[in-house]
């Protein structure tokens, strides 16, 4: 990721937009489905006659901050597109997300020497331990029917816990430093399988799984990578036009850098069909708008926007959309000038370019099922990279100088 935005230009965005040849330009794509609310003109004869008063009233209604829900949980994708925030039209590779390290003094990539060996060992051992899930024959997802033998699966979880203990006791040529990290992760892996066992027992009793069940399962999964998981209780707020908009994400990953708390990622947990998403994700080119509802996309975009001020990554918010056991990694890039325009005007209604660079773009990966071995192996290294940099200062790959 190249350096897109800088904070050193103090000229106001409004001044730049009024100058001929300024650095801020507005681009309205005509073929964007559900995009900007401006209508394409097919011919002059198709346009109805409008009085000046009706045009003025229409403009006032469109710019009325009351049109934007005060809680981002009620937003749709159209709401964020009115603020100049758009999802990319195709997915990115997860390896592209490592370039976020350029936006934070606390993240380093690639890791080198001892830190690289530590990361490789953690990935290898965790891959082996989580591979024990192959013993589980039935899905834990909501689509699983009540005819599945959930009690048998619960018993298999208990067998897996015994196998994990045997793997942990194996003698390997690991340094005491590496063993310390492996033990910390091992306890969380055990807790994850205990969570699975509890979910199978719940299904055995005929109970449906809820969003909160999958939120807890994702939290348990990510904790094995040293990620600090917070159930968000306090509101995030932002002034948009004349309104104060609020957000309470389902979950947040956080870390200390080195004194205040910073947000590493924000998580939106939503209802949906994970099996349908799994099939769509197998295609060569994944378009998130074809699989995830506009309501979920709008809510997640709003949560990314309101988290920018807390993010450890400058002008970027990292996020995850979770639907049952499927996760999509996301990140929003937005410039300070774009943020200022949102706060001042409350509406942009188009794609925004600042200094020749796109602002307000949400990048995303294909969906990964963390309960499926092939998908899981593709995300282990990235999650450990995030988690290692979220540890207390003295345990990070490159400790921050306090």
Protein backbone atom coordinates (compact mmCIF):
# COMPACT_ATOMS: atom_id res chain seq x y z
CA UNK A 1 0.00 0.00 0.00
CA UNK A 2 1.53 3.28 -1.02
CA UNK A 3 1.19 6.35 1.21
CA UNK A 4 -2.16 7.71 0.06
CA UNK A 5 -2.90 10.62 2.33
CA UNK A 6 -0.93 13.16 4.32
CA UNK A 7 -1.97 15.52 7.09
CA UNK A 8 0.39 18.39 6.25
CA UNK A 9 -1.89 20.34 3.87
CA UNK A 10 -3.93 22.71 6.04
CA UNK A 11 -5.95 24.30 3.21
CA UNK A 12 -9.62 23.60 3.86
CA UNK A 13 -11.38 21.14 1.60
CA UNK A 14 -14.13 23.64 0.86
CA UNK A 15 -11.56 26.15 -0.42
CA UNK A 16 -9.97 23.54 -2.65
CA UNK A 17 -13.26 22.48 -4.18
CA UNK A 18 -14.08 26.07 -5.15
CA UNK A 19 -10.76 26.71 -6.88
CA UNK A 20 -10.37 25.91 -10.54
CA UNK A 21 -7.85 23.12 -10.97
CA UNK A 22 -7.96 22.21 -7.28
CA UNK A 23 -6.75 18.90 -5.92
CA UNK A 24 -10.16 17.63 -4.88
CA UNK A 25 -12.38 16.17 -7.58
CA UNK A 26 -15.74 14.46 -7.58
CA UNK A 27 -16.32 11.46 -9.82
CA UNK A 28 -19.78 10.00 -10.24
CA UNK A 29 -19.73 6.55 -11.91
CA UNK A 30 -22.79 5.98 -14.05
CA UNK A 31 -22.80 2.19 -13.87
CA UNK A 32 -22.52 1.73 -10.11
CA UNK A 33 -25.48 -0.32 -8.85
CA UNK A 34 -27.07 1.25 -5.82
CA UNK A 35 -24.41 3.96 -5.87
CA UNK A 36 -24.73 7.74 -6.00
CA UNK A 37 -28.28 8.97 -5.89
CA UNK A 38 -27.92 11.24 -8.90
CA UNK A 39 -30.01 10.04 -11.83
CA UNK A 40 -28.56 9.47 -15.29
CA UNK A 41 -30.28 11.66 -17.87
CA UNK A 42 -31.43 9.61 -20.90
CA UNK A 43 -32.84 12.57 -22.83
CA UNK A 44 -34.14 16.05 -22.21
CA UNK A 45 -37.68 14.94 -23.08
CA UNK A 46 -37.66 12.39 -20.26
CA UNK A 47 -37.12 15.06 -17.63
CA UNK A 48 -40.24 16.46 -15.91
CA UNK A 49 -40.68 20.18 -15.51
CA UNK A 50 -39.55 21.30 -12.04
CA UNK A 51 -40.14 24.61 -10.34
CA UNK A 52 -37.36 26.38 -8.45
CA UNK A 53 -39.20 25.78 -5.17
CA UNK A 54 -39.50 22.03 -5.76
CA UNK A 55 -35.79 21.81 -6.62
CA UNK A 56 -34.95 23.75 -3.46
CA UNK A 57 -37.19 21.53 -1.30
CA UNK A 58 -35.72 18.39 -2.83
CA UNK A 59 -32.21 19.63 -2.15
CA UNK A 60 -33.08 20.45 1.46
CA UNK A 61 -34.56 16.99 2.01
CA UNK A 62 -31.50 15.33 0.51
CA UNK A 63 -29.12 17.36 2.68
CA UNK A 64 -31.25 17.03 5.81
CA UNK A 65 -29.08 15.24 8.41
CA UNK A 66 -32.24 13.64 9.78
CA UNK A 67 -32.26 11.46 6.63
CA UNK A 68 -29.19 9.66 8.03
CA UNK A 69 -30.13 7.34 10.92
CA UNK A 70 -28.51 8.34 14.21
CA UNK A 71 -27.37 4.74 14.86
CA UNK A 72 -25.20 3.00 12.25
CA UNK A 73 -26.99 -0.25 13.08
CA UNK A 74 -29.83 1.18 10.96
CA UNK A 75 -27.60 2.21 8.05
CA UNK A 76 -27.67 0.63 4.63
CA UNK A 77 -24.99 0.75 1.98
CA UNK A 78 -26.74 3.76 0.43
CA UNK A 79 -26.16 5.72 3.65
CA UNK A 80 -22.39 5.32 3.47
CA UNK A 81 -22.28 5.90 -0.27
CA UNK A 82 -23.89 9.29 0.44
CA UNK A 83 -20.77 9.96 2.53
CA UNK A 84 -18.45 8.98 -0.31
CA UNK A 85 -17.64 5.54 1.14
CA UNK A 86 -17.80 2.62 -1.29
CA UNK A 87 -16.88 -1.05 -1.27
CA UNK A 88 -14.38 -2.08 -3.92
CA UNK A 89 -15.89 -4.02 -6.80
CA UNK A 90 -13.70 -7.09 -6.24
CA UNK A 91 -11.90 -8.80 -3.40
CA UNK A 92 -8.24 -8.38 -2.48
CA UNK A 93 -5.73 -11.01 -1.41
CA UNK A 94 -5.20 -11.35 2.33
CA UNK A 95 -1.46 -10.83 1.75
CA UNK A 96 -2.29 -7.28 0.63
CA UNK A 97 -3.44 -6.53 4.19
CA UNK A 98 0.12 -6.79 5.52
CA UNK A 99 0.79 -3.40 3.94
CA UNK A 100 -1.23 -1.92 6.81
CA UNK A 101 2.08 -2.06 8.70
CA UNK A 102 3.05 1.10 6.79
CA UNK A 103 0.24 2.91 8.62
CA UNK A 104 1.34 2.08 12.18
CA UNK A 105 4.55 2.53 14.16
CA UNK A 106 3.61 -0.55 16.22
CA UNK A 107 3.36 -3.10 13.37
CA UNK A 108 6.31 -4.60 11.54
CA UNK A 109 6.33 -6.62 8.31
CA UNK A 110 7.97 -8.85 7.31
CA UNK A 111 9.20 -10.29 10.59
CA UNK A 112 12.86 -11.29 10.61
CA UNK A 113 15.20 -13.76 12.28
CA UNK A 114 13.97 -14.93 15.69
CA UNK A 115 10.60 -13.23 15.28
CA UNK A 116 10.08 -14.92 11.92
CA UNK A 117 10.97 -18.33 13.37
CA UNK A 118 8.56 -17.75 16.25
CA UNK A 119 5.73 -16.89 13.85
CA UNK A 120 6.42 -19.95 11.69
CA UNK A 121 6.47 -22.26 14.73
CA UNK A 122 3.22 -20.85 16.08
CA UNK A 123 1.51 -21.34 12.72
CA UNK A 124 2.84 -24.89 12.30
CA UNK A 125 1.88 -26.11 15.78
CA UNK A 126 -1.52 -24.40 15.77
CA UNK A 127 -2.29 -25.87 12.35
CA UNK A 128 -1.60 -29.34 13.75
CA UNK A 129 -3.71 -28.78 16.86
CA UNK A 130 -6.68 -27.32 15.01
CA UNK A 131 -6.37 -30.15 12.50
CA UNK A 132 -7.86 -32.32 15.25
CA UNK A 133 -11.19 -30.77 14.23
CA UNK A 134 -11.17 -33.28 11.35
CA UNK A 135 -12.69 -35.69 13.87
CA UNK A 136 -15.81 -33.54 13.90
CA UNK A 137 -18.16 -34.86 11.24
CA UNK A 138 -21.03 -32.39 11.50
CA UNK A 139 -21.42 -28.68 11.03
CA UNK A 140 -22.01 -26.39 14.00
CA UNK A 141 -23.73 -23.81 11.80
CA UNK A 142 -27.39 -22.84 11.92
CA UNK A 143 -28.10 -24.76 8.69
CA UNK A 144 -27.25 -28.06 10.41
CA UNK A 145 -30.45 -30.03 10.94
CA UNK A 146 -31.58 -31.42 14.26
CA UNK A 147 -31.04 -34.94 12.93
CA UNK A 148 -27.28 -34.56 13.23
CA UNK A 149 -25.71 -36.58 16.09
CA UNK A 150 -24.64 -33.55 18.13
CA UNK A 151 -24.09 -35.64 21.27
CA UNK A 152 -21.51 -37.73 19.43
CA UNK A 153 -19.78 -34.57 18.25
CA UNK A 154 -19.64 -33.32 21.82
CA UNK A 155 -17.92 -36.56 22.85
CA UNK A 156 -15.42 -36.12 20.00
CA UNK A 157 -14.58 -32.66 21.33
CA UNK A 158 -13.58 -34.33 24.58
CA UNK A 159 -11.33 -36.76 22.66
CA UNK A 160 -9.74 -33.82 20.86
CA UNK A 161 -8.89 -32.18 24.18
CA UNK A 162 -6.96 -35.33 25.15
CA UNK A 163 -5.13 -35.30 21.81
CA UNK A 164 -4.21 -31.64 22.29
CA UNK A 165 -2.57 -32.49 25.59
CA UNK A 166 -0.45 -35.16 23.87
CA UNK A 167 0.69 -32.69 21.19
CA UNK A 168 1.58 -30.11 23.84
CA UNK A 169 3.72 -32.66 25.69
CA UNK A 170 5.81 -33.56 22.63
CA UNK A 171 9.48 -32.76 23.04
CA UNK A 172 10.75 -30.44 20.34
CA UNK A 173 13.87 -28.38 19.98
CA UNK A 174 12.13 -25.14 20.91
CA UNK A 175 13.67 -22.32 22.88
CA UNK A 176 12.21 -21.37 26.25
CA UNK A 177 11.12 -18.13 24.59
CA UNK A 178 9.07 -20.02 21.97
CA UNK A 179 7.58 -22.43 24.52
CA UNK A 180 6.25 -19.46 26.48
CA UNK A 181 4.18 -18.31 23.48
CA UNK A 182 3.06 -21.85 22.61
CA UNK A 183 1.71 -22.41 26.10
CA UNK A 184 -0.18 -19.15 26.05
CA UNK A 185 -1.83 -20.11 22.77
CA UNK A 186 -2.46 -23.73 23.82
CA UNK A 187 -4.73 -22.77 26.70
CA UNK A 188 -6.90 -20.72 24.35
CA UNK A 189 -7.08 -23.59 21.82
CA UNK A 190 -8.40 -25.85 24.58
CA UNK A 191 -10.99 -23.24 25.53
CA UNK A 192 -12.07 -23.00 21.87
CA UNK A 193 -12.83 -26.73 21.66
CA UNK A 194 -14.68 -26.50 24.97
CA UNK A 195 -16.81 -23.76 23.41
CA UNK A 196 -17.54 -26.01 20.44
CA UNK A 197 -18.55 -28.78 22.80
CA UNK A 198 -21.01 -26.44 24.50
CA UNK A 199 -22.51 -25.43 21.14
CA UNK A 200 -23.02 -29.07 20.09
CA UNK A 201 -24.78 -29.76 23.38
CA UNK A 202 -27.01 -26.74 22.80
CA UNK A 203 -27.98 -28.07 19.36
CA UNK A 204 -28.61 -31.51 20.87
CA UNK A 205 -31.19 -29.94 23.16
CA UNK A 206 -33.00 -28.55 20.12
CA UNK A 207 -31.97 -24.95 20.71
CA UNK A 208 -31.17 -22.64 17.82
CA UNK A 209 -27.83 -20.87 17.64
CA UNK A 210 -27.92 -17.09 17.80
CA UNK A 211 -25.66 -14.23 16.73
CA UNK A 212 -24.29 -14.09 20.27
CA UNK A 213 -23.27 -17.78 20.05
CA UNK A 214 -21.24 -17.13 16.91
CA UNK A 215 -19.84 -13.92 18.41
CA UNK A 216 -18.53 -15.94 21.37
CA UNK A 217 -17.16 -18.64 19.05
CA UNK A 218 -15.28 -16.08 16.94
CA UNK A 219 -13.93 -14.46 20.11
CA UNK A 220 -12.72 -17.85 21.33
CA UNK A 221 -11.10 -18.59 17.97
CA UNK A 222 -9.23 -15.27 17.74
CA UNK A 223 -7.97 -15.38 21.33
CA UNK A 224 -5.68 -18.32 20.50
CA UNK A 225 -3.70 -15.86 18.32
CA UNK A 226 -3.05 -13.49 21.30
CA UNK A 227 -5.70 -11.06 20.06
CA UNK A 228 -7.33 -8.97 22.79
CA UNK A 229 -11.09 -9.22 22.35
CA UNK A 230 -13.47 -6.67 23.83
CA UNK A 231 -17.23 -6.82 23.97
CA UNK A 232 -17.94 -3.19 23.19
CA UNK A 233 -20.07 -1.43 25.80
CA UNK A 234 -19.30 2.24 25.11
CA UNK A 235 -20.59 4.17 22.12
CA UNK A 236 -18.41 5.46 19.32
CA UNK A 237 -19.73 8.84 18.18
CA UNK A 238 -19.10 11.18 15.27
CA UNK A 239 -20.55 14.51 14.16
CA UNK A 240 -21.97 14.20 10.65
CA UNK A 241 -23.41 17.46 9.44
CA UNK A 242 -25.58 18.74 12.27
CA UNK A 243 -26.19 15.28 13.75
CA UNK A 244 -24.33 13.10 16.21
CA UNK A 245 -24.16 9.52 14.95
CA UNK A 246 -23.32 6.61 17.24
CA UNK A 247 -22.10 3.04 16.93
CA UNK A 248 -21.63 0.09 19.27
CA UNK A 249 -19.81 -2.68 17.33
CA UNK A 250 -20.38 -6.32 18.24
CA UNK A 251 -16.72 -6.79 19.05
CA UNK A 252 -13.43 -4.93 18.96
CA UNK A 253 -9.78 -6.07 18.94
CA UNK A 254 -7.56 -3.71 20.91
CA UNK A 255 -4.02 -3.16 22.13
CA UNK A 256 -1.92 -0.69 24.14
CA UNK A 257 0.51 1.45 22.13
CA UNK A 258 2.05 2.00 24.68
CA UNK A 259 -0.21 3.91 27.06
CA UNK A 260 -3.76 4.57 25.74
CA UNK A 261 -5.93 1.84 24.24
CA UNK A 262 -6.03 1.64 20.46
CA UNK A 263 -8.43 -0.24 18.22
CA UNK A 264 -6.82 -2.93 16.07
CA UNK A 265 -10.02 -4.11 14.34
CA UNK A 266 -13.79 -3.75 14.58
CA UNK A 267 -16.08 -6.77 14.07
CA UNK A 268 -19.64 -6.85 12.73
CA UNK A 269 -21.50 -10.11 13.42
CA UNK A 270 -24.55 -10.62 11.21
CA UNK A 271 -27.18 -13.18 10.33
CA UNK A 272 -26.95 -14.91 6.98
CA UNK A 273 -26.54 -18.18 5.15
CA UNK A 274 -22.96 -19.33 5.60
CA UNK A 275 -23.37 -22.23 3.15
CA UNK A 276 -24.43 -19.85 0.39
CA UNK A 277 -21.51 -17.55 1.18
CA UNK A 278 -19.13 -20.51 1.11
CA UNK A 279 -20.18 -21.39 -2.45
CA UNK A 280 -19.87 -17.78 -3.62
CA UNK A 281 -16.43 -17.48 -2.04
CA UNK A 282 -15.10 -20.33 -4.19
CA UNK A 283 -15.46 -18.23 -7.32
CA UNK A 284 -12.36 -16.66 -8.82
CA UNK A 285 -13.62 -13.11 -8.26
CA UNK A 286 -15.65 -12.42 -5.12
CA UNK A 287 -17.99 -9.40 -5.08
CA UNK A 288 -19.15 -8.71 -1.54
CA UNK A 289 -22.28 -6.86 -2.65
CA UNK A 290 -23.58 -10.00 -4.36
CA UNK A 291 -23.45 -12.02 -1.13
CA UNK A 292 -23.76 -9.73 1.89
CA UNK A 293 -26.93 -7.66 2.36
CA UNK A 294 -26.93 -3.89 1.89
CA UNK A 295 -27.96 -3.50 5.53
CA UNK A 296 -24.93 -5.42 6.82
CA UNK A 297 -22.61 -3.61 4.40
CA UNK A 298 -23.97 -0.24 5.52
CA UNK A 299 -23.68 -1.05 9.21
CA UNK A 300 -20.14 -2.38 8.85
CA UNK A 301 -19.03 0.62 6.78
CA UNK A 302 -20.45 2.93 9.43
CA UNK A 303 -18.64 1.07 12.19
CA UNK A 304 -15.37 1.30 10.26
CA UNK A 305 -15.93 5.04 9.78
CA UNK A 306 -16.61 5.76 13.45
CA UNK A 307 -13.58 3.70 14.52
CA UNK A 308 -11.02 5.65 12.43
CA UNK A 309 -10.19 8.00 15.30
CA UNK A 310 -9.37 5.06 17.59
CA UNK A 311 -7.48 2.96 15.04
CA UNK A 312 -3.83 2.05 15.46
CA UNK A 313 -3.52 2.37 11.66
CA UNK A 314 -3.35 5.98 10.47
CA UNK A 315 -6.33 6.90 8.25
CA UNK A 316 -7.29 3.21 8.08
CA UNK A 317 -9.66 0.97 10.06
CA UNK A 318 -9.29 -2.81 9.92
CA UNK A 319 -12.46 -4.86 10.27
CA UNK A 320 -14.15 -8.26 10.03
CA UNK A 321 -17.63 -9.23 8.89
CA UNK A 322 -18.68 -12.50 10.54
CA UNK A 323 -21.63 -14.60 9.38
CA UNK A 324 -21.79 -17.76 11.48
CA UNK A 325 -18.32 -19.33 10.98
CA UNK A 326 -17.50 -17.35 7.82
CA UNK A 327 -15.32 -14.25 8.14
CA UNK A 328 -14.40 -11.53 5.64
CA UNK A 329 -11.47 -9.22 6.43
CA UNK A 330 -11.98 -5.57 5.50
CA UNK A 331 -10.27 -2.22 5.81
CA UNK A 332 -11.42 1.33 5.12
CA UNK A 333 -8.99 3.94 3.76
CA UNK A 334 -10.16 7.51 4.26
CA UNK A 335 -8.25 10.79 4.19
CA UNK A 336 -8.42 13.49 6.91
CA UNK A 337 -9.89 15.90 4.34
CA UNK A 338 -12.61 13.41 3.47
CA UNK A 339 -13.44 13.01 7.16
CA UNK A 340 -13.58 16.78 7.58
CA UNK A 341 -15.99 17.06 4.66
CA UNK A 342 -18.26 14.38 6.16
CA UNK A 343 -18.29 16.15 9.51
CA UNK A 344 -18.94 19.56 7.95
CA UNK A 345 -21.38 18.79 5.14
CA UNK A 346 -22.97 15.51 6.21
CA UNK A 347 -23.17 14.31 2.62
CA UNK A 348 -20.86 13.83 -0.35
CA UNK A 349 -23.02 11.58 -2.50
CA UNK A 350 -20.18 10.66 -4.86
CA UNK A 351 -16.76 9.08 -5.08
CA UNK A 352 -14.04 11.40 -3.84
CA UNK A 353 -10.51 11.93 -5.13
CA UNK A 354 -7.95 13.87 -3.09
CA UNK A 355 -4.55 14.64 -4.60
CA UNK A 356 -5.28 12.07 -7.31
CA UNK A 357 -5.98 9.25 -4.81
CA UNK A 358 -9.27 7.56 -4.07
CA UNK A 359 -10.60 8.11 -0.56
CA UNK A 360 -13.35 6.21 1.21
CA UNK A 361 -12.66 2.80 -0.33
CA UNK A 362 -13.37 -0.39 1.65
CA UNK A 363 -11.14 -3.28 0.60
CA UNK A 364 -12.11 -6.83 1.50
CA UNK A 365 -11.05 -10.47 1.11
CA UNK A 366 -12.99 -13.51 0.02
CA UNK A 367 -14.87 -15.24 2.87
CA UNK A 368 -12.99 -17.79 4.99
CA UNK A 369 -14.63 -20.52 7.08
CA UNK A 370 -12.55 -20.82 10.25
CA UNK A 371 -14.09 -24.26 10.88
CA UNK A 372 -12.83 -25.57 7.53
CA UNK A 373 -9.19 -26.67 7.54
CA UNK A 374 -8.21 -25.37 4.10
CA UNK A 375 -9.62 -21.90 4.74
CA UNK A 376 -8.26 -21.80 8.28
CA UNK A 377 -4.71 -22.56 7.17
CA UNK A 378 -4.81 -19.51 4.88
CA UNK A 379 -5.54 -17.08 7.73
CA UNK A 380 -3.44 -18.43 10.64
CA UNK A 381 -0.32 -16.43 9.83
CA UNK A 382 -2.19 -13.14 9.41
CA UNK A 383 -4.05 -13.61 12.70
CA UNK A 384 -0.83 -14.43 14.57
CA UNK A 385 0.79 -11.37 12.98
CA UNK A 386 -2.05 -9.21 14.33
CA UNK A 387 -1.97 -10.94 17.72
CA UNK A 388 1.79 -10.79 18.27
CA UNK A 389 1.67 -7.04 17.73
CA UNK A 390 -1.22 -6.76 20.21
CA UNK A 391 0.64 -8.31 23.14
CA UNK A 392 1.99 -6.27 26.06
CA UNK A 393 4.94 -4.17 24.94
CA UNK A 394 7.72 -6.45 26.22
CA UNK A 395 6.33 -9.49 24.36
CA UNK A 396 5.91 -7.96 20.93
CA UNK A 397 8.21 -8.84 18.02
CA UNK A 398 9.57 -5.29 18.06
CA UNK A 399 8.81 -3.69 21.44
CA UNK A 400 7.75 -0.08 21.26
CA UNK A 401 10.11 2.32 22.98
CA UNK A 402 8.18 3.94 25.81
